[in-house]
């Protein structure tokens, strides 16, 4: 019997507002993921690094990095949402509902919440809201994102334009704190820095100093680890310039890991308010990071405060920490503009 059994992925005209996609291949998190993450990124945050430290702040068993859960959940969506993507454009309203520990199995589903064909008629933007759950059907995280996707048939009619109204930030009162989290006996020496909630001021900028040069083997290995199958990350024939595009999440994790120098006590990410992959990254680029404190909030958890941070990744170090020029466009070299809430000791 003849017929096509392979999956070419969805193109822009295959999506409909309200469509629900249940993504294949649930993924069980293991200690191997923790080790692999530490090999790929220069992360040193104490909670995911030390079971004893995690237990001392009320988290036992020790959770893995928040972004491990994000990458796995995101990777599940790729075959259905962004296999034929030009680029992932941005994120909003991402909340981490509970820590993920080895043994948890993550499954993801998405709903199409918006569509907008681009003026060139060759691509369109697809907006989805995705929800990741564990083996107990408890929500682990949920988020909205938008991605530019190729059309299969350039003559296919444009859908009705629907652009969702997404919040500019998750309200501090809507942050979900891990059950049992308690920073009242926080060990600053073990964590690596003395800086606590009151030491950071709104408007303060922090140059994280260190840089990491991207390589094709590392970014492809990382992207495979999360079972992200987007062609542009692996296949040199997928882009006209013949370059493999670095998965945007790889840049996020690099920037987060680099932020340890100056924000070592930002132990947990509670939310990603918004994010934009401003420019593409490729092997050979050297990534640096800086942060700006946007807001501060108290939380009901003992000894725990929340910092709203802008985390910026750049190609090459920008000691001036300039995000935008006088014309309000992003400064040259900016790769990532990410707005997060991080939990810190008071």
C-alpha atoms as a PDB file:
ATOM      1  CA  UNK A   1       0.000   0.000   0.000  1.00  0.00           C
ATOM      2  CA  UNK A   2       1.412   3.353  -0.989  1.00  0.00           C
ATOM      3  CA  UNK A   3       0.979   6.546   0.981  1.00  0.00           C
ATOM      4  CA  UNK A   4       2.824   9.074   3.050  1.00  0.00           C
ATOM      5  CA  UNK A   5       3.558   7.911   6.582  1.00  0.00           C
ATOM      6  CA  UNK A   6       6.090  10.596   7.465  1.00  0.00           C
ATOM      7  CA  UNK A   7       5.133  13.826   9.181  1.00  0.00           C
ATOM      8  CA  UNK A   8       6.048  16.982   7.244  1.00  0.00           C
ATOM      9  CA  UNK A   9       4.894  19.192  10.115  1.00  0.00           C
ATOM     10  CA  UNK A  10       2.211  21.857  10.031  1.00  0.00           C
ATOM     11  CA  UNK A  11       2.479  24.869   7.781  1.00  0.00           C
ATOM     12  CA  UNK A  12       0.833  28.207   8.465  1.00  0.00           C
ATOM     13  CA  UNK A  13      -2.381  27.383   6.598  1.00  0.00           C
ATOM     14  CA  UNK A  14      -2.838  24.189   8.658  1.00  0.00           C
ATOM     15  CA  UNK A  15      -3.533  26.123  11.861  1.00  0.00           C
ATOM     16  CA  UNK A  16      -6.932  27.332  13.081  1.00  0.00           C
ATOM     17  CA  UNK A  17      -7.750  29.488  16.093  1.00  0.00           C
ATOM     18  CA  UNK A  18      -9.128  27.222  18.823  1.00  0.00           C
ATOM     19  CA  UNK A  19      -7.305  24.158  17.515  1.00  0.00           C
ATOM     20  CA  UNK A  20      -5.928  21.969  20.325  1.00  0.00           C
ATOM     21  CA  UNK A  21      -2.757  19.976  19.751  1.00  0.00           C
ATOM     22  CA  UNK A  22      -1.791  17.110  22.066  1.00  0.00           C
ATOM     23  CA  UNK A  23       1.934  16.686  21.547  1.00  0.00           C
ATOM     24  CA  UNK A  24       3.569  13.283  21.263  1.00  0.00           C
ATOM     25  CA  UNK A  25       6.194  11.552  23.389  1.00  0.00           C
ATOM     26  CA  UNK A  26       5.945  12.374  27.085  1.00  0.00           C
ATOM     27  CA  UNK A  27       9.458  12.714  28.536  1.00  0.00           C
ATOM     28  CA  UNK A  28      10.659  11.447  31.919  1.00  0.00           C
ATOM     29  CA  UNK A  29      13.205  13.673  33.664  1.00  0.00           C
ATOM     30  CA  UNK A  30      16.274  11.913  35.094  1.00  0.00           C
ATOM     31  CA  UNK A  31      19.420  12.785  36.996  1.00  0.00           C
ATOM     32  CA  UNK A  32      21.109  12.477  33.613  1.00  0.00           C
ATOM     33  CA  UNK A  33      19.285  15.629  32.536  1.00  0.00           C
ATOM     34  CA  UNK A  34      20.705  17.492  35.529  1.00  0.00           C
ATOM     35  CA  UNK A  35      24.225  16.316  34.683  1.00  0.00           C
ATOM     36  CA  UNK A  36      23.891  17.038  30.964  1.00  0.00           C
ATOM     37  CA  UNK A  37      22.551  20.526  31.674  1.00  0.00           C
ATOM     38  CA  UNK A  38      25.554  21.257  33.866  1.00  0.00           C
ATOM     39  CA  UNK A  39      27.874  20.078  31.110  1.00  0.00           C
ATOM     40  CA  UNK A  40      26.210  22.276  28.484  1.00  0.00           C
ATOM     41  CA  UNK A  41      25.804  25.452  30.536  1.00  0.00           C
ATOM     42  CA  UNK A  42      28.048  27.041  33.202  1.00  0.00           C
ATOM     43  CA  UNK A  43      25.300  26.863  35.824  1.00  0.00           C
ATOM     44  CA  UNK A  44      26.148  26.917  39.537  1.00  0.00           C
ATOM     45  CA  UNK A  45      22.883  27.776  41.316  1.00  0.00           C
ATOM     46  CA  UNK A  46      22.826  25.982  44.648  1.00  0.00           C
ATOM     47  CA  UNK A  47      19.246  24.659  44.693  1.00  0.00           C
ATOM     48  CA  UNK A  48      19.518  22.478  41.569  1.00  0.00           C
ATOM     49  CA  UNK A  49      23.214  21.720  42.258  1.00  0.00           C
ATOM     50  CA  UNK A  50      23.010  20.443  45.847  1.00  0.00           C
ATOM     51  CA  UNK A  51      20.426  18.077  47.297  1.00  0.00           C
ATOM     52  CA  UNK A  52      21.441  19.164  50.806  1.00  0.00           C
ATOM     53  CA  UNK A  53      21.077  22.848  50.006  1.00  0.00           C
ATOM     54  CA  UNK A  54      17.684  22.247  48.372  1.00  0.00           C
ATOM     55  CA  UNK A  55      16.487  20.317  51.420  1.00  0.00           C
ATOM     56  CA  UNK A  56      17.684  23.130  53.694  1.00  0.00           C
ATOM     57  CA  UNK A  57      15.284  25.545  51.951  1.00  0.00           C
ATOM     58  CA  UNK A  58      12.357  23.115  52.029  1.00  0.00           C
ATOM     59  CA  UNK A  59      12.747  21.451  48.637  1.00  0.00           C
ATOM     60  CA  UNK A  60      13.260  17.706  48.810  1.00  0.00           C
ATOM     61  CA  UNK A  61      13.853  15.876  46.562  1.00  0.00           C
ATOM     62  CA  UNK A  62      16.053  18.470  44.883  1.00  0.00           C
ATOM     63  CA  UNK A  63      14.439  19.996  41.791  1.00  0.00           C
ATOM     64  CA  UNK A  64      16.254  20.245  38.477  1.00  0.00           C
ATOM     65  CA  UNK A  65      16.842  23.630  36.840  1.00  0.00           C
ATOM     66  CA  UNK A  66      13.556  25.362  36.016  1.00  0.00           C
ATOM     67  CA  UNK A  67      14.687  25.718  32.411  1.00  0.00           C
ATOM     68  CA  UNK A  68      15.070  21.939  32.020  1.00  0.00           C
ATOM     69  CA  UNK A  69      11.314  21.680  32.446  1.00  0.00           C
ATOM     70  CA  UNK A  70      10.817  24.608  30.072  1.00  0.00           C
ATOM     71  CA  UNK A  71      13.044  23.138  27.355  1.00  0.00           C
ATOM     72  CA  UNK A  72      11.477  19.680  27.558  1.00  0.00           C
ATOM     73  CA  UNK A  73       7.946  21.069  27.468  1.00  0.00           C
ATOM     74  CA  UNK A  74       8.863  23.451  24.638  1.00  0.00           C
ATOM     75  CA  UNK A  75      10.540  20.651  22.661  1.00  0.00           C
ATOM     76  CA  UNK A  76       7.331  18.616  22.726  1.00  0.00           C
ATOM     77  CA  UNK A  77       5.537  21.401  20.852  1.00  0.00           C
ATOM     78  CA  UNK A  78       8.009  21.691  17.985  1.00  0.00           C
ATOM     79  CA  UNK A  79       6.826  18.850  15.669  1.00  0.00           C
ATOM     80  CA  UNK A  80       3.294  20.257  15.666  1.00  0.00           C
ATOM     81  CA  UNK A  81       3.889  24.006  16.008  1.00  0.00           C
ATOM     82  CA  UNK A  82       7.281  25.019  14.701  1.00  0.00           C
ATOM     83  CA  UNK A  83       8.808  22.240  12.613  1.00  0.00           C
ATOM     84  CA  UNK A  84       8.488  24.545   9.603  1.00  0.00           C
ATOM     85  CA  UNK A  85       9.335  27.716  11.469  1.00  0.00           C
ATOM     86  CA  UNK A  86      11.446  30.570  10.262  1.00  0.00           C
ATOM     87  CA  UNK A  87      12.080  31.597  13.868  1.00  0.00           C
ATOM     88  CA  UNK A  88      10.561  31.590  17.327  1.00  0.00           C
ATOM     89  CA  UNK A  89       9.656  35.201  18.038  1.00  0.00           C
ATOM     90  CA  UNK A  90       8.683  35.579  21.663  1.00  0.00           C
ATOM     91  CA  UNK A  91       7.134  34.409  24.929  1.00  0.00           C
ATOM     92  CA  UNK A  92       4.630  35.749  27.428  1.00  0.00           C
ATOM     93  CA  UNK A  93       2.706  34.772  30.559  1.00  0.00           C
ATOM     94  CA  UNK A  94       4.952  31.832  31.479  1.00  0.00           C
ATOM     95  CA  UNK A  95       4.429  30.611  35.025  1.00  0.00           C
ATOM     96  CA  UNK A  96       6.276  27.786  36.745  1.00  0.00           C
ATOM     97  CA  UNK A  97       3.629  26.052  38.836  1.00  0.00           C
ATOM     98  CA  UNK A  98       5.774  23.492  40.702  1.00  0.00           C
ATOM     99  CA  UNK A  99       9.352  22.258  40.739  1.00  0.00           C
ATOM    100  CA  UNK A 100      10.244  19.283  38.549  1.00  0.00           C
ATOM    101  CA  UNK A 101      12.250  16.460  40.103  1.00  0.00           C
ATOM    102  CA  UNK A 102      13.876  13.371  38.592  1.00  0.00           C
ATOM    103  CA  UNK A 103      11.174  10.788  37.925  1.00  0.00           C
ATOM    104  CA  UNK A 104       8.579  13.313  36.795  1.00  0.00           C
ATOM    105  CA  UNK A 105       7.148  12.721  33.325  1.00  0.00           C
ATOM    106  CA  UNK A 106       6.261  15.832  31.342  1.00  0.00           C
ATOM    107  CA  UNK A 107       3.577  15.940  28.649  1.00  0.00           C
ATOM    108  CA  UNK A 108       2.478  19.035  26.735  1.00  0.00           C
ATOM    109  CA  UNK A 109      -0.580  20.261  24.862  1.00  0.00           C
ATOM    110  CA  UNK A 110      -1.151  23.541  23.024  1.00  0.00           C
ATOM    111  CA  UNK A 111      -4.083  25.634  21.874  1.00  0.00           C
ATOM    112  CA  UNK A 112      -3.844  27.975  18.889  1.00  0.00           C
ATOM    113  CA  UNK A 113      -4.870  31.411  20.192  1.00  0.00           C
ATOM    114  CA  UNK A 114      -3.953  33.647  17.256  1.00  0.00           C
ATOM    115  CA  UNK A 115      -2.969  33.835  13.580  1.00  0.00           C
ATOM    116  CA  UNK A 116      -1.607  36.623  11.415  1.00  0.00           C
ATOM    117  CA  UNK A 117      -0.331  36.226   7.871  1.00  0.00           C
ATOM    118  CA  UNK A 118       2.696  38.362   7.042  1.00  0.00           C
ATOM    119  CA  UNK A 119       2.575  40.949   4.274  1.00  0.00           C
ATOM    120  CA  UNK A 120       4.957  38.932   2.080  1.00  0.00           C
ATOM    121  CA  UNK A 121       2.342  36.179   1.786  1.00  0.00           C
ATOM    122  CA  UNK A 122       5.017  33.538   2.348  1.00  0.00           C
ATOM    123  CA  UNK A 123       4.864  33.194   6.111  1.00  0.00           C
ATOM    124  CA  UNK A 124       2.602  33.872   9.042  1.00  0.00           C
ATOM    125  CA  UNK A 125       2.733  34.184  12.800  1.00  0.00           C
ATOM    126  CA  UNK A 126       1.098  31.471  14.896  1.00  0.00           C
ATOM    127  CA  UNK A 127       0.271  32.195  18.550  1.00  0.00           C
ATOM    128  CA  UNK A 128      -0.157  29.241  20.914  1.00  0.00           C
ATOM    129  CA  UNK A 129      -0.744  28.727  24.614  1.00  0.00           C
ATOM    130  CA  UNK A 130       0.974  25.576  25.861  1.00  0.00           C
ATOM    131  CA  UNK A 131       0.479  23.670  29.098  1.00  0.00           C
ATOM    132  CA  UNK A 132       2.876  21.060  30.495  1.00  0.00           C
ATOM    133  CA  UNK A 133       1.684  18.552  33.073  1.00  0.00           C
ATOM    134  CA  UNK A 134       3.352  15.808  35.102  1.00  0.00           C
ATOM    135  CA  UNK A 135       2.358  12.163  35.571  1.00  0.00           C
ATOM    136  CA  UNK A 136      -0.266  13.209  38.132  1.00  0.00           C
ATOM    137  CA  UNK A 137      -1.818  15.613  35.621  1.00  0.00           C
ATOM    138  CA  UNK A 138      -0.621  18.542  37.725  1.00  0.00           C
ATOM    139  CA  UNK A 139       0.383  21.643  35.772  1.00  0.00           C
ATOM    140  CA  UNK A 140       4.147  22.120  35.781  1.00  0.00           C
ATOM    141  CA  UNK A 141       4.247  25.267  33.659  1.00  0.00           C
ATOM    142  CA  UNK A 142       2.219  27.096  31.052  1.00  0.00           C
ATOM    143  CA  UNK A 143       3.128  29.827  28.601  1.00  0.00           C
ATOM    144  CA  UNK A 144       2.219  31.640  25.421  1.00  0.00           C
ATOM    145  CA  UNK A 145       4.550  31.994  22.471  1.00  0.00           C
ATOM    146  CA  UNK A 146       4.465  33.152  18.898  1.00  0.00           C
ATOM    147  CA  UNK A 147       6.408  31.736  16.005  1.00  0.00           C
ATOM    148  CA  UNK A 148       6.846  32.630  12.332  1.00  0.00           C
ATOM    149  CA  UNK A 149       5.934  29.646  10.142  1.00  0.00           C
ATOM    150  CA  UNK A 150       6.328  29.030   6.409  1.00  0.00           C
ATOM    151  CA  UNK A 151       3.287  28.593   4.183  1.00  0.00           C
ATOM    152  CA  UNK A 152       3.085  25.412   2.117  1.00  0.00           C
ATOM    153  CA  UNK A 153       0.884  26.971  -0.577  1.00  0.00           C
ATOM    154  CA  UNK A 154       1.582  30.628  -1.250  1.00  0.00           C
ATOM    155  CA  UNK A 155      -1.837  30.919  -2.877  1.00  0.00           C
ATOM    156  CA  UNK A 156      -3.689  29.706   0.213  1.00  0.00           C
ATOM    157  CA  UNK A 157      -5.994  32.461   1.475  1.00  0.00           C
ATOM    158  CA  UNK A 158      -4.979  34.393   4.550  1.00  0.00           C
ATOM    159  CA  UNK A 159      -6.945  33.522   7.673  1.00  0.00           C
ATOM    160  CA  UNK A 160      -8.797  36.119   9.663  1.00  0.00           C
ATOM    161  CA  UNK A 161      -6.209  37.992  11.720  1.00  0.00           C
ATOM    162  CA  UNK A 162      -6.457  37.240  15.429  1.00  0.00           C
ATOM    163  CA  UNK A 163      -3.768  38.658  17.706  1.00  0.00           C
ATOM    164  CA  UNK A 164      -4.240  37.652  21.351  1.00  0.00           C
ATOM    165  CA  UNK A 165      -4.132  40.210  24.136  1.00  0.00           C
ATOM    166  CA  UNK A 166      -1.220  39.057  26.282  1.00  0.00           C
ATOM    167  CA  UNK A 167      -0.283  40.604  29.608  1.00  0.00           C
ATOM    168  CA  UNK A 168       2.982  42.570  29.646  1.00  0.00           C
ATOM    169  CA  UNK A 169       3.979  40.775  32.861  1.00  0.00           C
ATOM    170  CA  UNK A 170       2.779  38.215  35.380  1.00  0.00           C
ATOM    171  CA  UNK A 171       1.551  40.128  38.419  1.00  0.00           C
ATOM    172  CA  UNK A 172       3.614  39.503  41.531  1.00  0.00           C
ATOM    173  CA  UNK A 173       0.462  38.364  43.367  1.00  0.00           C
ATOM    174  CA  UNK A 174      -0.037  35.685  40.695  1.00  0.00           C
ATOM    175  CA  UNK A 175       3.366  34.064  41.177  1.00  0.00           C
ATOM    176  CA  UNK A 176       3.133  30.449  42.334  1.00  0.00           C
ATOM    177  CA  UNK A 177       5.676  29.591  45.017  1.00  0.00           C
ATOM    178  CA  UNK A 178       6.934  26.043  45.573  1.00  0.00           C
ATOM    179  CA  UNK A 179       5.253  24.351  48.518  1.00  0.00           C
ATOM    180  CA  UNK A 180       7.495  24.404  51.575  1.00  0.00           C
ATOM    181  CA  UNK A 181       9.970  26.973  50.231  1.00  0.00           C
ATOM    182  CA  UNK A 182      11.653  28.715  53.176  1.00  0.00           C
ATOM    183  CA  UNK A 183      14.751  30.935  52.933  1.00  0.00           C
ATOM    184  CA  UNK A 184      14.888  31.950  56.610  1.00  0.00           C
ATOM    185  CA  UNK A 185      17.990  29.803  57.270  1.00  0.00           C
ATOM    186  CA  UNK A 186      19.523  30.396  53.840  1.00  0.00           C
ATOM    187  CA  UNK A 187      23.258  29.599  53.659  1.00  0.00           C
ATOM    188  CA  UNK A 188      24.769  32.534  51.742  1.00  0.00           C
ATOM    189  CA  UNK A 189      28.286  31.142  51.914  1.00  0.00           C
ATOM    190  CA  UNK A 190      27.242  27.860  50.306  1.00  0.00           C
ATOM    191  CA  UNK A 191      25.193  29.728  47.706  1.00  0.00           C
ATOM    192  CA  UNK A 192      28.234  31.722  46.604  1.00  0.00           C
ATOM    193  CA  UNK A 193      27.276  35.384  47.153  1.00  0.00           C
ATOM    194  CA  UNK A 194      26.102  37.538  50.071  1.00  0.00           C
ATOM    195  CA  UNK A 195      23.592  39.654  48.152  1.00  0.00           C
ATOM    196  CA  UNK A 196      19.976  39.453  49.285  1.00  0.00           C
ATOM    197  CA  UNK A 197      16.665  41.081  48.313  1.00  0.00           C
ATOM    198  CA  UNK A 198      17.363  44.432  49.969  1.00  0.00           C
ATOM    199  CA  UNK A 199      20.760  44.726  48.276  1.00  0.00           C
ATOM    200  CA  UNK A 200      19.169  45.154  44.847  1.00  0.00           C
ATOM    201  CA  UNK A 201      17.619  48.430  43.729  1.00  0.00           C
ATOM    202  CA  UNK A 202      15.090  49.038  40.970  1.00  0.00           C
ATOM    203  CA  UNK A 203      16.949  50.399  37.963  1.00  0.00           C
ATOM    204  CA  UNK A 204      20.242  48.762  38.950  1.00  0.00           C
ATOM    205  CA  UNK A 205      22.165  47.063  36.141  1.00  0.00           C
ATOM    206  CA  UNK A 206      24.542  44.135  36.627  1.00  0.00           C
ATOM    207  CA  UNK A 207      27.219  43.188  34.111  1.00  0.00           C
ATOM    208  CA  UNK A 208      27.679  39.432  34.426  1.00  0.00           C
ATOM    209  CA  UNK A 209      31.170  39.773  32.907  1.00  0.00           C
ATOM    210  CA  UNK A 210      31.741  36.246  31.578  1.00  0.00           C
ATOM    211  CA  UNK A 211      31.202  35.042  28.011  1.00  0.00           C
ATOM    212  CA  UNK A 212      30.707  31.715  26.244  1.00  0.00           C
ATOM    213  CA  UNK A 213      31.454  31.104  22.555  1.00  0.00           C
ATOM    214  CA  UNK A 214      28.778  29.086  20.777  1.00  0.00           C
ATOM    215  CA  UNK A 215      29.711  25.926  18.897  1.00  0.00           C
ATOM    216  CA  UNK A 216      27.646  23.796  16.541  1.00  0.00           C
ATOM    217  CA  UNK A 217      28.214  20.520  18.439  1.00  0.00           C
ATOM    218  CA  UNK A 218      27.110  21.977  21.779  1.00  0.00           C
ATOM    219  CA  UNK A 219      23.983  23.765  20.593  1.00  0.00           C
ATOM    220  CA  UNK A 220      22.874  20.796  18.475  1.00  0.00           C
ATOM    221  CA  UNK A 221      23.469  18.393  21.376  1.00  0.00           C
ATOM    222  CA  UNK A 222      21.450  20.640  23.689  1.00  0.00           C
ATOM    223  CA  UNK A 223      18.604  20.923  21.192  1.00  0.00           C
ATOM    224  CA  UNK A 224      18.506  17.147  20.706  1.00  0.00           C
ATOM    225  CA  UNK A 225      18.487  16.654  24.480  1.00  0.00           C
ATOM    226  CA  UNK A 226      15.157  18.487  24.580  1.00  0.00           C
ATOM    227  CA  UNK A 227      13.872  16.505  21.548  1.00  0.00           C
ATOM    228  CA  UNK A 228      13.454  19.751  19.636  1.00  0.00           C
ATOM    229  CA  UNK A 229      13.323  18.729  15.968  1.00  0.00           C
ATOM    230  CA  UNK A 230      13.128  22.132  14.228  1.00  0.00           C
ATOM    231  CA  UNK A 231      15.036  21.810  10.951  1.00  0.00           C
ATOM    232  CA  UNK A 232      16.805  25.161  11.176  1.00  0.00           C
ATOM    233  CA  UNK A 233      18.880  23.988  14.160  1.00  0.00           C
ATOM    234  CA  UNK A 234      20.406  20.967  12.427  1.00  0.00           C
ATOM    235  CA  UNK A 235      20.099  21.080   8.657  1.00  0.00           C
ATOM    236  CA  UNK A 236      22.349  23.462   6.733  1.00  0.00           C
ATOM    237  CA  UNK A 237      19.909  23.230   3.813  1.00  0.00           C
ATOM    238  CA  UNK A 238      17.054  24.649   5.885  1.00  0.00           C
ATOM    239  CA  UNK A 239      18.258  28.252   5.620  1.00  0.00           C
ATOM    240  CA  UNK A 240      19.359  30.191   2.524  1.00  0.00           C
ATOM    241  CA  UNK A 241      22.620  31.217   4.230  1.00  0.00           C
ATOM    242  CA  UNK A 242      23.565  27.605   5.004  1.00  0.00           C
ATOM    243  CA  UNK A 243      23.968  28.288   8.738  1.00  0.00           C
ATOM    244  CA  UNK A 244      22.452  26.282  11.563  1.00  0.00           C
ATOM    245  CA  UNK A 245      20.368  28.613  13.728  1.00  0.00           C
ATOM    246  CA  UNK A 246      21.059  28.247  17.443  1.00  0.00           C
ATOM    247  CA  UNK A 247      17.901  27.288  19.367  1.00  0.00           C
ATOM    248  CA  UNK A 248      16.769  30.389  21.219  1.00  0.00           C
ATOM    249  CA  UNK A 249      16.347  28.411  24.420  1.00  0.00           C
ATOM    250  CA  UNK A 250      20.052  27.596  24.301  1.00  0.00           C
ATOM    251  CA  UNK A 251      20.792  31.310  24.469  1.00  0.00           C
ATOM    252  CA  UNK A 252      18.306  31.680  27.346  1.00  0.00           C
ATOM    253  CA  UNK A 253      20.056  28.970  29.360  1.00  0.00           C
ATOM    254  CA  UNK A 254      23.485  30.424  28.648  1.00  0.00           C
ATOM    255  CA  UNK A 255      22.345  33.866  29.781  1.00  0.00           C
ATOM    256  CA  UNK A 256      20.697  32.448  32.892  1.00  0.00           C
ATOM    257  CA  UNK A 257      23.845  30.499  33.792  1.00  0.00           C
ATOM    258  CA  UNK A 258      26.069  33.528  33.191  1.00  0.00           C
ATOM    259  CA  UNK A 259      23.835  35.600  35.483  1.00  0.00           C
ATOM    260  CA  UNK A 260      25.128  33.590  38.457  1.00  0.00           C
ATOM    261  CA  UNK A 261      27.945  36.143  38.659  1.00  0.00           C
ATOM    262  CA  UNK A 262      25.995  38.908  40.392  1.00  0.00           C
ATOM    263  CA  UNK A 263      22.706  37.057  40.897  1.00  0.00           C
ATOM    264  CA  UNK A 264      23.835  33.776  42.469  1.00  0.00           C
ATOM    265  CA  UNK A 265      20.960  33.972  44.942  1.00  0.00           C
ATOM    266  CA  UNK A 266      18.300  34.197  42.236  1.00  0.00           C
ATOM    267  CA  UNK A 267      17.736  30.529  42.896  1.00  0.00           C
ATOM    268  CA  UNK A 268      14.425  29.863  41.162  1.00  0.00           C
ATOM    269  CA  UNK A 269      12.593  31.321  38.182  1.00  0.00           C
ATOM    270  CA  UNK A 270       8.961  31.879  39.111  1.00  0.00           C
ATOM    271  CA  UNK A 271       7.802  33.348  35.790  1.00  0.00           C
ATOM    272  CA  UNK A 272       8.895  34.496  32.363  1.00  0.00           C
ATOM    273  CA  UNK A 273       6.911  37.673  31.806  1.00  0.00           C
ATOM    274  CA  UNK A 274       7.976  38.267  28.240  1.00  0.00           C
ATOM    275  CA  UNK A 275      10.807  37.437  25.928  1.00  0.00           C
ATOM    276  CA  UNK A 276      12.073  38.270  22.463  1.00  0.00           C
ATOM    277  CA  UNK A 277      14.792  36.644  20.389  1.00  0.00           C
ATOM    278  CA  UNK A 278      16.008  39.917  18.954  1.00  0.00           C
ATOM    279  CA  UNK A 279      18.672  38.590  16.592  1.00  0.00           C
ATOM    280  CA  UNK A 280      19.742  35.141  15.430  1.00  0.00           C
ATOM    281  CA  UNK A 281      22.723  33.438  17.014  1.00  0.00           C
ATOM    282  CA  UNK A 282      25.176  31.140  15.231  1.00  0.00           C
ATOM    283  CA  UNK A 283      28.242  29.072  16.033  1.00  0.00           C
ATOM    284  CA  UNK A 284      31.210  31.356  16.581  1.00  0.00           C
ATOM    285  CA  UNK A 285      29.217  34.065  18.360  1.00  0.00           C
ATOM    286  CA  UNK A 286      30.365  34.800  21.904  1.00  0.00           C
ATOM    287  CA  UNK A 287      27.451  35.332  24.278  1.00  0.00           C
ATOM    288  CA  UNK A 288      27.588  37.700  27.254  1.00  0.00           C
ATOM    289  CA  UNK A 289      24.792  38.763  29.591  1.00  0.00           C
ATOM    290  CA  UNK A 290      23.662  41.619  31.792  1.00  0.00           C
ATOM    291  CA  UNK A 291      20.610  42.180  33.956  1.00  0.00           C
ATOM    292  CA  UNK A 292      18.479  45.111  35.062  1.00  0.00           C
ATOM    293  CA  UNK A 293      16.268  45.113  38.156  1.00  0.00           C
ATOM    294  CA  UNK A 294      12.797  46.150  36.965  1.00  0.00           C
ATOM    295  CA  UNK A 295      10.739  45.602  40.112  1.00  0.00           C
ATOM    296  CA  UNK A 296      10.722  43.996  43.543  1.00  0.00           C
ATOM    297  CA  UNK A 297       7.967  42.259  45.486  1.00  0.00           C
ATOM    298  CA  UNK A 298       7.483  40.561  48.800  1.00  0.00           C
ATOM    299  CA  UNK A 299       6.046  37.041  48.843  1.00  0.00           C
ATOM    300  CA  UNK A 300       4.161  35.033  51.478  1.00  0.00           C
ATOM    301  CA  UNK A 301       6.916  32.393  51.634  1.00  0.00           C
ATOM    302  CA  UNK A 302       9.193  32.753  54.696  1.00  0.00           C
ATOM    303  CA  UNK A 303      12.345  34.705  53.884  1.00  0.00           C
ATOM    304  CA  UNK A 304      11.574  34.819  50.160  1.00  0.00           C
ATOM    305  CA  UNK A 305      11.446  37.910  47.959  1.00  0.00           C
ATOM    306  CA  UNK A 306      10.920  38.247  44.210  1.00  0.00           C
ATOM    307  CA  UNK A 307      13.017  40.304  41.817  1.00  0.00           C
ATOM    308  CA  UNK A 308      11.700  41.183  38.394  1.00  0.00           C
ATOM    309  CA  UNK A 309      14.735  41.126  36.143  1.00  0.00           C
ATOM    310  CA  UNK A 310      15.452  41.977  32.544  1.00  0.00           C
ATOM    311  CA  UNK A 311      18.033  39.433  31.382  1.00  0.00           C
ATOM    312  CA  UNK A 312      19.801  40.502  28.197  1.00  0.00           C
ATOM    313  CA  UNK A 313      22.124  38.338  26.108  1.00  0.00           C
ATOM    314  CA  UNK A 314      24.472  40.019  23.685  1.00  0.00           C
ATOM    315  CA  UNK A 315      26.843  39.006  20.931  1.00  0.00           C
ATOM    316  CA  UNK A 316      30.072  40.406  22.314  1.00  0.00           C
ATOM    317  CA  UNK A 317      30.312  42.203  25.636  1.00  0.00           C
ATOM    318  CA  UNK A 318      28.549  45.545  25.989  1.00  0.00           C
ATOM    319  CA  UNK A 319      29.936  47.170  29.118  1.00  0.00           C
ATOM    320  CA  UNK A 320      27.556  50.110  28.604  1.00  0.00           C
ATOM    321  CA  UNK A 321      24.624  47.672  28.999  1.00  0.00           C
ATOM    322  CA  UNK A 322      22.576  49.490  26.352  1.00  0.00           C
ATOM    323  CA  UNK A 323      19.320  47.822  25.370  1.00  0.00           C
ATOM    324  CA  UNK A 324      17.965  50.310  22.841  1.00  0.00           C
ATOM    325  CA  UNK A 325      19.286  53.206  20.813  1.00  0.00           C
ATOM    326  CA  UNK A 326      17.884  56.729  20.563  1.00  0.00           C
ATOM    327  CA  UNK A 327      15.426  55.536  17.902  1.00  0.00           C
ATOM    328  CA  UNK A 328      14.069  52.906  20.362  1.00  0.00           C
ATOM    329  CA  UNK A 329      15.322  50.009  18.251  1.00  0.00           C
ATOM    330  CA  UNK A 330      17.429  47.326  19.879  1.00  0.00           C
ATOM    331  CA  UNK A 331      21.115  48.108  20.132  1.00  0.00           C
ATOM    332  CA  UNK A 332      23.480  46.205  17.828  1.00  0.00           C
ATOM    333  CA  UNK A 333      24.504  42.872  19.286  1.00  0.00           C
ATOM    334  CA  UNK A 334      21.412  42.244  21.413  1.00  0.00           C
ATOM    335  CA  UNK A 335      20.380  38.608  21.011  1.00  0.00           C
ATOM    336  CA  UNK A 336      17.811  38.137  23.764  1.00  0.00           C
ATOM    337  CA  UNK A 337      15.573  40.380  25.847  1.00  0.00           C
ATOM    338  CA  UNK A 338      13.991  38.279  28.602  1.00  0.00           C
ATOM    339  CA  UNK A 339      11.822  39.535  31.471  1.00  0.00           C
ATOM    340  CA  UNK A 340      11.628  37.158  34.450  1.00  0.00           C
ATOM    341  CA  UNK A 341      10.634  36.934  38.098  1.00  0.00           C
ATOM    342  CA  UNK A 342      13.324  35.256  40.239  1.00  0.00           C
ATOM    343  CA  UNK A 343      13.028  34.164  43.878  1.00  0.00           C
ATOM    344  CA  UNK A 344      15.765  35.401  46.218  1.00  0.00           C
ATOM    345  CA  UNK A 345      16.428  35.389  49.981  1.00  0.00           C
ATOM    346  CA  UNK A 346      15.306  38.406  51.958  1.00  0.00           C
END
